[in-house]
């Protein structure tokens, strides 16, 4: 989900890497997270297999609780129009080198053991504390939150995915906050 809707500098990571998936799921970015909605894209072969069942049977028989909800569809159409009119995928591709340099500038911080990124996504892995896996990552999460920086923490990995409208000074603030907090952790 996180590699879709421009975050890698292309519409989807599959496009960036030249991969043709059989199935692709999409969600949050479809409506900018404003209204719950998801979608599944598939190849014609997979679609046909799902739609051509035995005579008299309903295709892909399962519940459709929220299918085509008008509010979600309106939010999706508005979001897709903004991606295009604001050229947000291109903007992400242009900002990606700045983001990469900024994130990788943290490589010499205390307890940083790995940094990974693509587009406007990054993972900063912290060394786990002996006998307390995820504690250092959680402490980093809490201290950054107190400083006004919110991110997802998974174990001892800091997962960053800023909005596609982020500006360079905001990237700088994220990195400055992370540097101070990470270096202040035991």
C-alpha atoms as a PDB file:
ATOM      1  CA  UNK A   1       0.000   0.000   0.000  1.00  0.00           C
ATOM      2  CA  UNK A   2       2.711   2.452   0.934  1.00  0.00           C
ATOM      3  CA  UNK A   3       4.502   2.184  -2.423  1.00  0.00           C
ATOM      4  CA  UNK A   4       1.467   3.292  -4.405  1.00  0.00           C
ATOM      5  CA  UNK A   5       0.096   6.559  -5.672  1.00  0.00           C
ATOM      6  CA  UNK A   6       3.359   8.296  -6.429  1.00  0.00           C
ATOM      7  CA  UNK A   7       5.349   7.646  -3.271  1.00  0.00           C
ATOM      8  CA  UNK A   8       8.163   5.957  -5.235  1.00  0.00           C
ATOM      9  CA  UNK A   9       8.192   8.645  -7.918  1.00  0.00           C
ATOM     10  CA  UNK A  10       6.046   6.499 -10.225  1.00  0.00           C
ATOM     11  CA  UNK A  11       2.359   5.700  -9.968  1.00  0.00           C
ATOM     12  CA  UNK A  12       3.175   2.376  -8.273  1.00  0.00           C
ATOM     13  CA  UNK A  13       6.363   0.541  -7.304  1.00  0.00           C
ATOM     14  CA  UNK A  14       5.519  -2.087  -9.924  1.00  0.00           C
ATOM     15  CA  UNK A  15       5.795   0.611 -12.600  1.00  0.00           C
ATOM     16  CA  UNK A  16       9.047   1.925 -11.167  1.00  0.00           C
ATOM     17  CA  UNK A  17      10.615  -1.535 -11.296  1.00  0.00           C
ATOM     18  CA  UNK A  18       9.046  -2.590 -14.579  1.00  0.00           C
ATOM     19  CA  UNK A  19       7.013  -5.403 -13.021  1.00  0.00           C
ATOM     20  CA  UNK A  20       3.627  -6.513 -14.341  1.00  0.00           C
ATOM     21  CA  UNK A  21       1.742  -7.898 -11.323  1.00  0.00           C
ATOM     22  CA  UNK A  22      -1.109 -10.364 -11.695  1.00  0.00           C
ATOM     23  CA  UNK A  23      -2.962  -8.610  -8.856  1.00  0.00           C
ATOM     24  CA  UNK A  24      -2.416  -5.243  -7.221  1.00  0.00           C
ATOM     25  CA  UNK A  25      -4.231  -3.952  -4.167  1.00  0.00           C
ATOM     26  CA  UNK A  26      -4.752  -0.253  -3.555  1.00  0.00           C
ATOM     27  CA  UNK A  27      -6.225   1.567  -0.579  1.00  0.00           C
ATOM     28  CA  UNK A  28      -5.336   4.653   1.479  1.00  0.00           C
ATOM     29  CA  UNK A  29      -3.770   6.671  -1.327  1.00  0.00           C
ATOM     30  CA  UNK A  30      -6.854   6.158  -3.463  1.00  0.00           C
ATOM     31  CA  UNK A  31      -8.828   8.652  -1.358  1.00  0.00           C
ATOM     32  CA  UNK A  32      -5.892  10.328   0.413  1.00  0.00           C
ATOM     33  CA  UNK A  33      -7.036   8.426   3.484  1.00  0.00           C
ATOM     34  CA  UNK A  34     -10.050  10.730   3.800  1.00  0.00           C
ATOM     35  CA  UNK A  35     -12.655   7.994   3.350  1.00  0.00           C
ATOM     36  CA  UNK A  36     -12.053   4.229   3.488  1.00  0.00           C
ATOM     37  CA  UNK A  37     -11.818   2.741   0.019  1.00  0.00           C
ATOM     38  CA  UNK A  38      -9.816   0.015  -1.632  1.00  0.00           C
ATOM     39  CA  UNK A  39      -9.479  -1.495  -5.070  1.00  0.00           C
ATOM     40  CA  UNK A  40      -7.914  -4.494  -6.732  1.00  0.00           C
ATOM     41  CA  UNK A  41      -6.387  -4.320 -10.188  1.00  0.00           C
ATOM     42  CA  UNK A  42      -5.781  -7.516 -12.117  1.00  0.00           C
ATOM     43  CA  UNK A  43      -4.741  -8.850 -15.482  1.00  0.00           C
ATOM     44  CA  UNK A  44      -7.400  -9.831 -18.001  1.00  0.00           C
ATOM     45  CA  UNK A  45      -6.568 -13.507 -17.532  1.00  0.00           C
ATOM     46  CA  UNK A  46      -7.166 -13.375 -13.773  1.00  0.00           C
ATOM     47  CA  UNK A  47     -10.305 -11.281 -14.220  1.00  0.00           C
ATOM     48  CA  UNK A  48     -11.730 -13.702 -16.763  1.00  0.00           C
ATOM     49  CA  UNK A  49     -11.013 -16.665 -14.484  1.00  0.00           C
ATOM     50  CA  UNK A  50     -12.898 -14.960 -11.654  1.00  0.00           C
ATOM     51  CA  UNK A  51     -15.835 -13.864 -13.796  1.00  0.00           C
ATOM     52  CA  UNK A  52     -16.397 -17.028 -15.849  1.00  0.00           C
ATOM     53  CA  UNK A  53     -17.734 -19.447 -13.276  1.00  0.00           C
ATOM     54  CA  UNK A  54     -20.347 -22.147 -13.681  1.00  0.00           C
ATOM     55  CA  UNK A  55     -23.629 -21.069 -15.317  1.00  0.00           C
ATOM     56  CA  UNK A  56     -26.049 -19.541 -12.859  1.00  0.00           C
ATOM     57  CA  UNK A  57     -23.390 -18.680 -10.270  1.00  0.00           C
ATOM     58  CA  UNK A  58     -22.569 -15.194  -9.054  1.00  0.00           C
ATOM     59  CA  UNK A  59     -19.051 -14.142 -10.030  1.00  0.00           C
ATOM     60  CA  UNK A  60     -16.488 -13.889  -7.208  1.00  0.00           C
ATOM     61  CA  UNK A  61     -19.140 -14.671  -4.625  1.00  0.00           C
ATOM     62  CA  UNK A  62     -18.438 -12.721  -1.435  1.00  0.00           C
ATOM     63  CA  UNK A  63     -19.880  -9.781   0.490  1.00  0.00           C
ATOM     64  CA  UNK A  64     -19.772  -6.296  -0.970  1.00  0.00           C
ATOM     65  CA  UNK A  65     -20.539  -4.246   2.128  1.00  0.00           C
ATOM     66  CA  UNK A  66     -19.046  -0.975   0.902  1.00  0.00           C
ATOM     67  CA  UNK A  67     -18.833  -1.478  -2.857  1.00  0.00           C
ATOM     68  CA  UNK A  68     -18.972   1.728  -4.852  1.00  0.00           C
ATOM     69  CA  UNK A  69     -20.012   3.898  -1.915  1.00  0.00           C
ATOM     70  CA  UNK A  70     -20.779   7.312  -3.455  1.00  0.00           C
ATOM     71  CA  UNK A  71     -18.776   9.298  -0.888  1.00  0.00           C
ATOM     72  CA  UNK A  72     -15.709   7.064  -1.268  1.00  0.00           C
ATOM     73  CA  UNK A  73     -15.958   7.211  -5.055  1.00  0.00           C
ATOM     74  CA  UNK A  74     -16.218  11.017  -4.968  1.00  0.00           C
ATOM     75  CA  UNK A  75     -13.183  11.213  -2.666  1.00  0.00           C
ATOM     76  CA  UNK A  76     -11.227   8.890  -4.962  1.00  0.00           C
ATOM     77  CA  UNK A  77     -12.057  10.886  -8.081  1.00  0.00           C
ATOM     78  CA  UNK A  78     -11.101  14.163  -6.357  1.00  0.00           C
ATOM     79  CA  UNK A  79      -7.850  12.649  -5.052  1.00  0.00           C
ATOM     80  CA  UNK A  80      -6.885  11.237  -8.443  1.00  0.00           C
ATOM     81  CA  UNK A  81      -7.599  14.614 -10.057  1.00  0.00           C
ATOM     82  CA  UNK A  82      -5.336  16.346  -7.487  1.00  0.00           C
ATOM     83  CA  UNK A  83      -2.507  13.867  -8.060  1.00  0.00           C
ATOM     84  CA  UNK A  84      -2.647  14.821 -11.721  1.00  0.00           C
ATOM     85  CA  UNK A  85      -3.269  18.581 -11.489  1.00  0.00           C
ATOM     86  CA  UNK A  86      -0.619  19.067  -8.777  1.00  0.00           C
ATOM     87  CA  UNK A  87       1.788  16.670 -10.555  1.00  0.00           C
ATOM     88  CA  UNK A  88       2.463  15.008  -7.207  1.00  0.00           C
ATOM     89  CA  UNK A  89       4.066  11.865  -8.646  1.00  0.00           C
ATOM     90  CA  UNK A  90       6.600  14.007 -10.521  1.00  0.00           C
ATOM     91  CA  UNK A  91       7.103  16.144  -7.422  1.00  0.00           C
ATOM     92  CA  UNK A  92       7.933  13.042  -5.410  1.00  0.00           C
ATOM     93  CA  UNK A  93      10.446  11.928  -8.040  1.00  0.00           C
ATOM     94  CA  UNK A  94      12.093  15.373  -7.912  1.00  0.00           C
ATOM     95  CA  UNK A  95      12.267  15.425  -4.092  1.00  0.00           C
ATOM     96  CA  UNK A  96      13.469  11.821  -3.765  1.00  0.00           C
ATOM     97  CA  UNK A  97      17.218  12.583  -4.084  1.00  0.00           C
ATOM     98  CA  UNK A  98      16.969  15.330  -1.441  1.00  0.00           C
ATOM     99  CA  UNK A  99      15.055  12.978   0.854  1.00  0.00           C
ATOM    100  CA  UNK A 100      17.569  10.183   0.279  1.00  0.00           C
ATOM    101  CA  UNK A 101      20.542  12.416   1.101  1.00  0.00           C
ATOM    102  CA  UNK A 102      18.778  13.752   4.191  1.00  0.00           C
ATOM    103  CA  UNK A 103      17.793  10.342   5.530  1.00  0.00           C
ATOM    104  CA  UNK A 104      21.205   8.813   4.837  1.00  0.00           C
ATOM    105  CA  UNK A 105      22.868  11.710   6.673  1.00  0.00           C
ATOM    106  CA  UNK A 106      21.704   9.906   9.831  1.00  0.00           C
ATOM    107  CA  UNK A 107      23.974   6.904   9.145  1.00  0.00           C
ATOM    108  CA  UNK A 108      26.541   8.065  11.724  1.00  0.00           C
ATOM    109  CA  UNK A 109      23.987   8.528  14.499  1.00  0.00           C
ATOM    110  CA  UNK A 110      24.301   6.413  17.599  1.00  0.00           C
ATOM    111  CA  UNK A 111      22.674   2.965  17.268  1.00  0.00           C
ATOM    112  CA  UNK A 112      21.715   3.342  13.580  1.00  0.00           C
ATOM    113  CA  UNK A 113      22.548   0.034  11.921  1.00  0.00           C
ATOM    114  CA  UNK A 114      20.773   0.359   8.569  1.00  0.00           C
ATOM    115  CA  UNK A 115      18.958   2.905   6.421  1.00  0.00           C
ATOM    116  CA  UNK A 116      16.776   1.972   3.457  1.00  0.00           C
ATOM    117  CA  UNK A 117      14.790   4.229   1.168  1.00  0.00           C
ATOM    118  CA  UNK A 118      13.032   4.614  -2.134  1.00  0.00           C
ATOM    119  CA  UNK A 119      11.159   7.682  -3.316  1.00  0.00           C
ATOM    120  CA  UNK A 120       9.632   9.356  -0.270  1.00  0.00           C
ATOM    121  CA  UNK A 121       9.815   6.260   1.920  1.00  0.00           C
ATOM    122  CA  UNK A 122      12.562   5.378   4.383  1.00  0.00           C
ATOM    123  CA  UNK A 123      13.305   2.865   7.078  1.00  0.00           C
ATOM    124  CA  UNK A 124      15.897   3.599   9.752  1.00  0.00           C
ATOM    125  CA  UNK A 125      16.845   0.522  11.726  1.00  0.00           C
ATOM    126  CA  UNK A 126      18.145   1.009  15.233  1.00  0.00           C
ATOM    127  CA  UNK A 127      20.214  -1.552  17.097  1.00  0.00           C
ATOM    128  CA  UNK A 128      17.995  -3.409  19.554  1.00  0.00           C
ATOM    129  CA  UNK A 129      18.728  -3.197  23.242  1.00  0.00           C
ATOM    130  CA  UNK A 130      20.006  -6.431  24.766  1.00  0.00           C
ATOM    131  CA  UNK A 131      17.033  -8.378  26.011  1.00  0.00           C
ATOM    132  CA  UNK A 132      14.576  -5.644  25.000  1.00  0.00           C
ATOM    133  CA  UNK A 133      13.839  -5.780  21.294  1.00  0.00           C
ATOM    134  CA  UNK A 134      11.725  -2.855  20.035  1.00  0.00           C
ATOM    135  CA  UNK A 135      12.317  -0.795  23.210  1.00  0.00           C
ATOM    136  CA  UNK A 136      14.773   1.603  21.550  1.00  0.00           C
ATOM    137  CA  UNK A 137      12.448   2.056  18.575  1.00  0.00           C
ATOM    138  CA  UNK A 138       9.513   2.727  20.886  1.00  0.00           C
ATOM    139  CA  UNK A 139      11.497   5.251  22.927  1.00  0.00           C
ATOM    140  CA  UNK A 140      12.471   6.994  19.692  1.00  0.00           C
ATOM    141  CA  UNK A 141       8.819   7.054  18.653  1.00  0.00           C
ATOM    142  CA  UNK A 142       7.692   8.587  21.964  1.00  0.00           C
ATOM    143  CA  UNK A 143      10.424  11.225  22.116  1.00  0.00           C
ATOM    144  CA  UNK A 144       9.883  12.251  18.502  1.00  0.00           C
ATOM    145  CA  UNK A 145       6.145  12.486  19.129  1.00  0.00           C
ATOM    146  CA  UNK A 146       6.852  14.845  22.027  1.00  0.00           C
ATOM    147  CA  UNK A 147       8.892  16.954  19.568  1.00  0.00           C
ATOM    148  CA  UNK A 148       6.043  17.077  17.053  1.00  0.00           C
ATOM    149  CA  UNK A 149       7.214  14.299  14.719  1.00  0.00           C
ATOM    150  CA  UNK A 150       4.925  11.343  14.087  1.00  0.00           C
ATOM    151  CA  UNK A 151       6.018   8.206  12.273  1.00  0.00           C
ATOM    152  CA  UNK A 152       5.300   4.510  12.288  1.00  0.00           C
ATOM    153  CA  UNK A 153       7.568   2.383  14.448  1.00  0.00           C
ATOM    154  CA  UNK A 154       7.883  -1.329  13.790  1.00  0.00           C
ATOM    155  CA  UNK A 155      10.140  -3.035  16.274  1.00  0.00           C
ATOM    156  CA  UNK A 156      13.375  -1.064  16.197  1.00  0.00           C
ATOM    157  CA  UNK A 157      12.703   0.345  12.744  1.00  0.00           C
ATOM    158  CA  UNK A 158      11.541   3.903  12.174  1.00  0.00           C
ATOM    159  CA  UNK A 159       9.273   3.929   9.111  1.00  0.00           C
ATOM    160  CA  UNK A 160       8.983   7.302   7.406  1.00  0.00           C
ATOM    161  CA  UNK A 161       6.546   8.217   4.640  1.00  0.00           C
ATOM    162  CA  UNK A 162       6.007  11.982   4.522  1.00  0.00           C
ATOM    163  CA  UNK A 163       3.179  13.528   2.531  1.00  0.00           C
ATOM    164  CA  UNK A 164       3.818  14.107  -1.160  1.00  0.00           C
ATOM    165  CA  UNK A 165       3.397  17.861  -0.581  1.00  0.00           C
ATOM    166  CA  UNK A 166       6.323  18.043   1.864  1.00  0.00           C
ATOM    167  CA  UNK A 167       8.777  20.917   1.413  1.00  0.00           C
ATOM    168  CA  UNK A 168      12.565  20.766   1.842  1.00  0.00           C
ATOM    169  CA  UNK A 169      12.541  22.789   5.104  1.00  0.00           C
ATOM    170  CA  UNK A 170      10.089  20.243   6.529  1.00  0.00           C
ATOM    171  CA  UNK A 171      12.402  17.405   5.505  1.00  0.00           C
ATOM    172  CA  UNK A 172      15.228  19.238   7.256  1.00  0.00           C
ATOM    173  CA  UNK A 173      13.119  19.541  10.424  1.00  0.00           C
ATOM    174  CA  UNK A 174      12.310  15.818  10.379  1.00  0.00           C
ATOM    175  CA  UNK A 175      15.987  14.946  10.063  1.00  0.00           C
ATOM    176  CA  UNK A 176      17.086  17.424  12.741  1.00  0.00           C
ATOM    177  CA  UNK A 177      14.488  16.032  15.147  1.00  0.00           C
ATOM    178  CA  UNK A 178      15.466  12.443  14.412  1.00  0.00           C
ATOM    179  CA  UNK A 179      19.185  13.216  14.773  1.00  0.00           C
ATOM    180  CA  UNK A 180      18.702  14.813  18.186  1.00  0.00           C
ATOM    181  CA  UNK A 181      16.385  12.090  19.456  1.00  0.00           C
ATOM    182  CA  UNK A 182      18.391   9.141  18.117  1.00  0.00           C
ATOM    183  CA  UNK A 183      21.636  10.520  19.516  1.00  0.00           C
ATOM    184  CA  UNK A 184      19.934  11.057  22.865  1.00  0.00           C
ATOM    185  CA  UNK A 185      18.785   7.435  23.195  1.00  0.00           C
ATOM    186  CA  UNK A 186      20.744   5.018  25.370  1.00  0.00           C
END
